[in-house]
Amino acid sequence: MANTPHELAEEFPEFVEKMSSLKVTDKHFAKLANDYHDLNRKVHAAETNVMPREELAEIDLRKRRGALKDEIYAYLRAN
C-alpha cells in the first residue's frame, strides 16, 4: 500500500510530539492509537479493493474510525 490517508500525524499535526510521547508513557493512549491504526488500514484496504467489503461493512468501518478519531482528539486536548 502506498500512502494511506487519515494517519493520526496527518489528522492532528499540532499533536505529533504529544502523540509520540503518549504512545510510550500512556498505555490507554497507546491502545487507542493502535486501534485507530488497525481500523485505518482496514478502511484503506476496503476502499482500494485490496480486501473488498460489502458497502455497509465499509461504512461501519469508517464510522468506527471517525468515532475513535474523535475520542483520540478529546484525549489529546484533555491531557
N, C-alpha and C. Protein backbone atom coordinates (compact mmCIF):
# COMPACT_ATOMS: atom_id res chain seq x y z
N MET A 1 0.83 -1.17 0.00
CA MET A 1 0.00 0.00 0.00
C MET A 1 0.88 1.23 0.00
N ALA A 2 0.50 2.16 -0.79
CA ALA A 2 1.24 3.42 -0.84
C ALA A 2 0.82 4.28 0.34
N ASN A 3 0.70 5.54 0.11
CA ASN A 3 0.32 6.46 1.18
C ASN A 3 -1.10 6.17 1.64
N THR A 4 -1.25 5.95 2.92
CA THR A 4 -2.56 5.70 3.50
C THR A 4 -3.08 7.00 4.09
N PRO A 5 -4.20 7.51 3.61
CA PRO A 5 -4.75 8.74 4.18
C PRO A 5 -5.26 8.52 5.60
N HIS A 6 -5.43 9.59 6.29
CA HIS A 6 -6.03 9.61 7.63
C HIS A 6 -5.11 9.09 8.74
N GLU A 7 -3.81 9.13 8.52
CA GLU A 7 -2.89 8.78 9.61
C GLU A 7 -3.04 9.85 10.70
N LEU A 8 -2.85 9.46 11.96
CA LEU A 8 -3.04 10.40 13.06
C LEU A 8 -2.13 11.62 12.95
N ALA A 9 -0.90 11.44 12.51
CA ALA A 9 0.02 12.57 12.37
C ALA A 9 -0.49 13.57 11.33
N GLU A 10 -1.18 13.08 10.32
CA GLU A 10 -1.76 13.97 9.31
C GLU A 10 -3.05 14.62 9.82
N GLU A 11 -3.79 13.88 10.61
CA GLU A 11 -5.04 14.40 11.14
C GLU A 11 -4.82 15.45 12.23
N PHE A 12 -3.79 15.22 13.04
CA PHE A 12 -3.52 16.12 14.17
C PHE A 12 -2.05 16.55 14.19
N PRO A 13 -1.62 17.31 13.18
CA PRO A 13 -0.19 17.68 13.11
C PRO A 13 0.27 18.49 14.31
N GLU A 14 -0.64 19.21 14.95
CA GLU A 14 -0.26 20.02 16.11
C GLU A 14 0.02 19.16 17.34
N PHE A 15 -0.33 17.87 17.29
CA PHE A 15 -0.14 16.97 18.43
C PHE A 15 0.89 15.87 18.16
N VAL A 16 1.67 15.98 17.11
CA VAL A 16 2.60 14.90 16.74
C VAL A 16 3.54 14.55 17.88
N GLU A 17 4.18 15.55 18.47
CA GLU A 17 5.12 15.27 19.57
C GLU A 17 4.40 14.68 20.78
N LYS A 18 3.25 15.23 21.09
CA LYS A 18 2.48 14.73 22.23
C LYS A 18 2.06 13.28 22.01
N MET A 19 1.62 12.96 20.79
CA MET A 19 1.22 11.58 20.50
C MET A 19 2.40 10.63 20.63
N SER A 20 3.56 11.04 20.14
CA SER A 20 4.76 10.19 20.27
C SER A 20 5.05 9.90 21.73
N SER A 21 4.99 10.92 22.55
CA SER A 21 5.26 10.75 23.97
C SER A 21 4.21 9.87 24.64
N LEU A 22 2.93 10.14 24.35
CA LEU A 22 1.87 9.36 24.98
C LEU A 22 1.88 7.89 24.58
N LYS A 23 2.28 7.60 23.36
CA LYS A 23 2.35 6.20 22.93
C LYS A 23 3.31 5.40 23.79
N VAL A 24 4.32 6.07 24.33
CA VAL A 24 5.33 5.41 25.15
C VAL A 24 4.96 5.42 26.63
N THR A 25 4.31 6.49 27.09
CA THR A 25 4.08 6.66 28.52
C THR A 25 2.67 6.36 28.99
N ASP A 26 1.72 6.24 28.08
CA ASP A 26 0.31 6.09 28.45
C ASP A 26 -0.28 4.87 27.72
N LYS A 27 -0.49 3.80 28.47
CA LYS A 27 -1.00 2.56 27.87
C LYS A 27 -2.36 2.74 27.22
N HIS A 28 -3.21 3.54 27.83
CA HIS A 28 -4.54 3.77 27.26
C HIS A 28 -4.42 4.47 25.90
N PHE A 29 -3.61 5.52 25.85
CA PHE A 29 -3.45 6.22 24.57
C PHE A 29 -2.80 5.30 23.54
N ALA A 30 -1.83 4.53 23.95
CA ALA A 30 -1.16 3.62 23.02
C ALA A 30 -2.17 2.64 22.41
N LYS A 31 -3.11 2.17 23.23
CA LYS A 31 -4.15 1.26 22.72
C LYS A 31 -5.08 1.99 21.75
N LEU A 32 -5.48 3.20 22.09
CA LEU A 32 -6.32 3.98 21.19
C LEU A 32 -5.63 4.19 19.84
N ALA A 33 -4.38 4.57 19.88
CA ALA A 33 -3.63 4.82 18.65
C ALA A 33 -3.47 3.55 17.83
N ASN A 34 -3.20 2.44 18.50
CA ASN A 34 -3.05 1.17 17.80
C ASN A 34 -4.38 0.72 17.18
N ASP A 35 -5.46 0.87 17.93
CA ASP A 35 -6.79 0.52 17.41
C ASP A 35 -7.13 1.38 16.20
N TYR A 36 -6.80 2.68 16.27
CA TYR A 36 -7.06 3.58 15.15
C TYR A 36 -6.25 3.13 13.93
N HIS A 37 -4.98 2.82 14.15
CA HIS A 37 -4.11 2.38 13.06
C HIS A 37 -4.69 1.14 12.38
N ASP A 38 -5.13 0.17 13.17
CA ASP A 38 -5.71 -1.06 12.62
C ASP A 38 -6.99 -0.77 11.82
N LEU A 39 -7.87 0.04 12.38
CA LEU A 39 -9.10 0.39 11.67
C LEU A 39 -8.79 1.15 10.38
N ASN A 40 -7.84 2.06 10.46
CA ASN A 40 -7.48 2.86 9.28
C ASN A 40 -6.98 1.95 8.16
N ARG A 41 -6.19 0.97 8.50
CA ARG A 41 -5.69 0.01 7.50
C ARG A 41 -6.84 -0.78 6.87
N LYS A 42 -7.80 -1.19 7.69
CA LYS A 42 -8.95 -1.93 7.17
C LYS A 42 -9.77 -1.06 6.23
N VAL A 43 -9.98 0.20 6.60
CA VAL A 43 -10.73 1.11 5.73
C VAL A 43 -9.99 1.29 4.41
N HIS A 44 -8.71 1.53 4.49
CA HIS A 44 -7.92 1.73 3.27
C HIS A 44 -7.95 0.49 2.38
N ALA A 45 -7.82 -0.68 2.98
CA ALA A 45 -7.86 -1.92 2.21
C ALA A 45 -9.21 -2.10 1.53
N ALA A 46 -10.28 -1.72 2.21
CA ALA A 46 -11.61 -1.82 1.61
C ALA A 46 -11.78 -0.80 0.50
N GLU A 47 -11.34 0.42 0.73
CA GLU A 47 -11.50 1.48 -0.27
C GLU A 47 -10.71 1.22 -1.54
N THR A 48 -9.58 0.57 -1.41
CA THR A 48 -8.73 0.30 -2.59
C THR A 48 -8.99 -1.09 -3.17
N ASN A 49 -9.99 -1.78 -2.65
CA ASN A 49 -10.37 -3.12 -3.10
C ASN A 49 -9.28 -4.16 -2.91
N VAL A 50 -8.35 -3.91 -2.01
CA VAL A 50 -7.37 -4.93 -1.65
C VAL A 50 -8.09 -6.03 -0.88
N MET A 51 -9.00 -5.60 0.00
CA MET A 51 -9.87 -6.52 0.74
C MET A 51 -11.29 -5.96 0.66
N PRO A 52 -11.95 -6.18 -0.46
CA PRO A 52 -13.29 -5.60 -0.64
C PRO A 52 -14.26 -6.07 0.44
N ARG A 53 -15.16 -5.17 0.78
CA ARG A 53 -16.21 -5.48 1.75
C ARG A 53 -17.54 -5.01 1.19
N GLU A 54 -18.60 -5.51 1.76
CA GLU A 54 -19.92 -5.00 1.39
C GLU A 54 -19.97 -3.53 1.79
N GLU A 55 -20.75 -2.77 1.08
CA GLU A 55 -20.82 -1.32 1.29
C GLU A 55 -21.14 -0.96 2.74
N LEU A 56 -22.11 -1.65 3.34
CA LEU A 56 -22.48 -1.34 4.73
C LEU A 56 -21.36 -1.66 5.70
N ALA A 57 -20.61 -2.70 5.44
CA ALA A 57 -19.48 -3.05 6.30
C ALA A 57 -18.39 -1.98 6.20
N GLU A 58 -18.16 -1.50 4.99
CA GLU A 58 -17.16 -0.44 4.79
C GLU A 58 -17.60 0.86 5.48
N ILE A 59 -18.88 1.17 5.37
CA ILE A 59 -19.41 2.37 6.03
C ILE A 59 -19.27 2.24 7.54
N ASP A 60 -19.53 1.05 8.07
CA ASP A 60 -19.38 0.82 9.52
C ASP A 60 -17.94 1.04 9.95
N LEU A 61 -16.98 0.55 9.17
CA LEU A 61 -15.57 0.77 9.49
C LEU A 61 -15.25 2.26 9.53
N ARG A 62 -15.74 3.00 8.55
CA ARG A 62 -15.48 4.44 8.52
C ARG A 62 -16.08 5.15 9.73
N LYS A 63 -17.28 4.74 10.12
CA LYS A 63 -17.92 5.34 11.29
C LYS A 63 -17.12 5.04 12.56
N ARG A 64 -16.67 3.80 12.69
CA ARG A 64 -15.87 3.41 13.86
C ARG A 64 -14.57 4.20 13.89
N ARG A 65 -13.93 4.36 12.71
CA ARG A 65 -12.68 5.13 12.65
C ARG A 65 -12.94 6.58 13.05
N GLY A 66 -14.03 7.16 12.58
CA GLY A 66 -14.37 8.55 12.93
C GLY A 66 -14.62 8.72 14.41
N ALA A 67 -15.35 7.78 15.00
CA ALA A 67 -15.62 7.86 16.44
C ALA A 67 -14.34 7.73 17.24
N LEU A 68 -13.46 6.84 16.82
CA LEU A 68 -12.19 6.66 17.52
C LEU A 68 -11.31 7.90 17.36
N LYS A 69 -11.33 8.50 16.18
CA LYS A 69 -10.56 9.73 15.96
C LYS A 69 -11.07 10.83 16.89
N ASP A 70 -12.39 10.94 17.04
CA ASP A 70 -12.96 11.93 17.97
C ASP A 70 -12.51 11.67 19.40
N GLU A 71 -12.49 10.40 19.79
CA GLU A 71 -12.06 10.04 21.14
C GLU A 71 -10.59 10.40 21.35
N ILE A 72 -9.77 10.12 20.35
CA ILE A 72 -8.34 10.45 20.45
C ILE A 72 -8.14 11.95 20.54
N TYR A 73 -8.88 12.72 19.75
CA TYR A 73 -8.75 14.18 19.78
C TYR A 73 -9.12 14.70 21.16
N ALA A 74 -10.22 14.22 21.72
CA ALA A 74 -10.64 14.65 23.05
C ALA A 74 -9.57 14.29 24.09
N TYR A 75 -8.99 13.13 23.95
CA TYR A 75 -7.95 12.69 24.88
C TYR A 75 -6.72 13.59 24.78
N LEU A 76 -6.33 13.92 23.57
CA LEU A 76 -5.16 14.78 23.36
C LEU A 76 -5.40 16.17 23.95
N ARG A 77 -6.59 16.68 23.80
CA ARG A 77 -6.91 18.02 24.33
C ARG A 77 -6.95 18.02 25.84
N ALA A 78 -7.37 16.92 26.44
CA ALA A 78 -7.52 16.84 27.90
C ALA A 78 -6.21 16.54 28.62
N ASN A 79 -5.27 15.95 27.92
CA ASN A 79 -4.03 15.52 28.59
C ASN A 79 -2.89 16.36 28.17
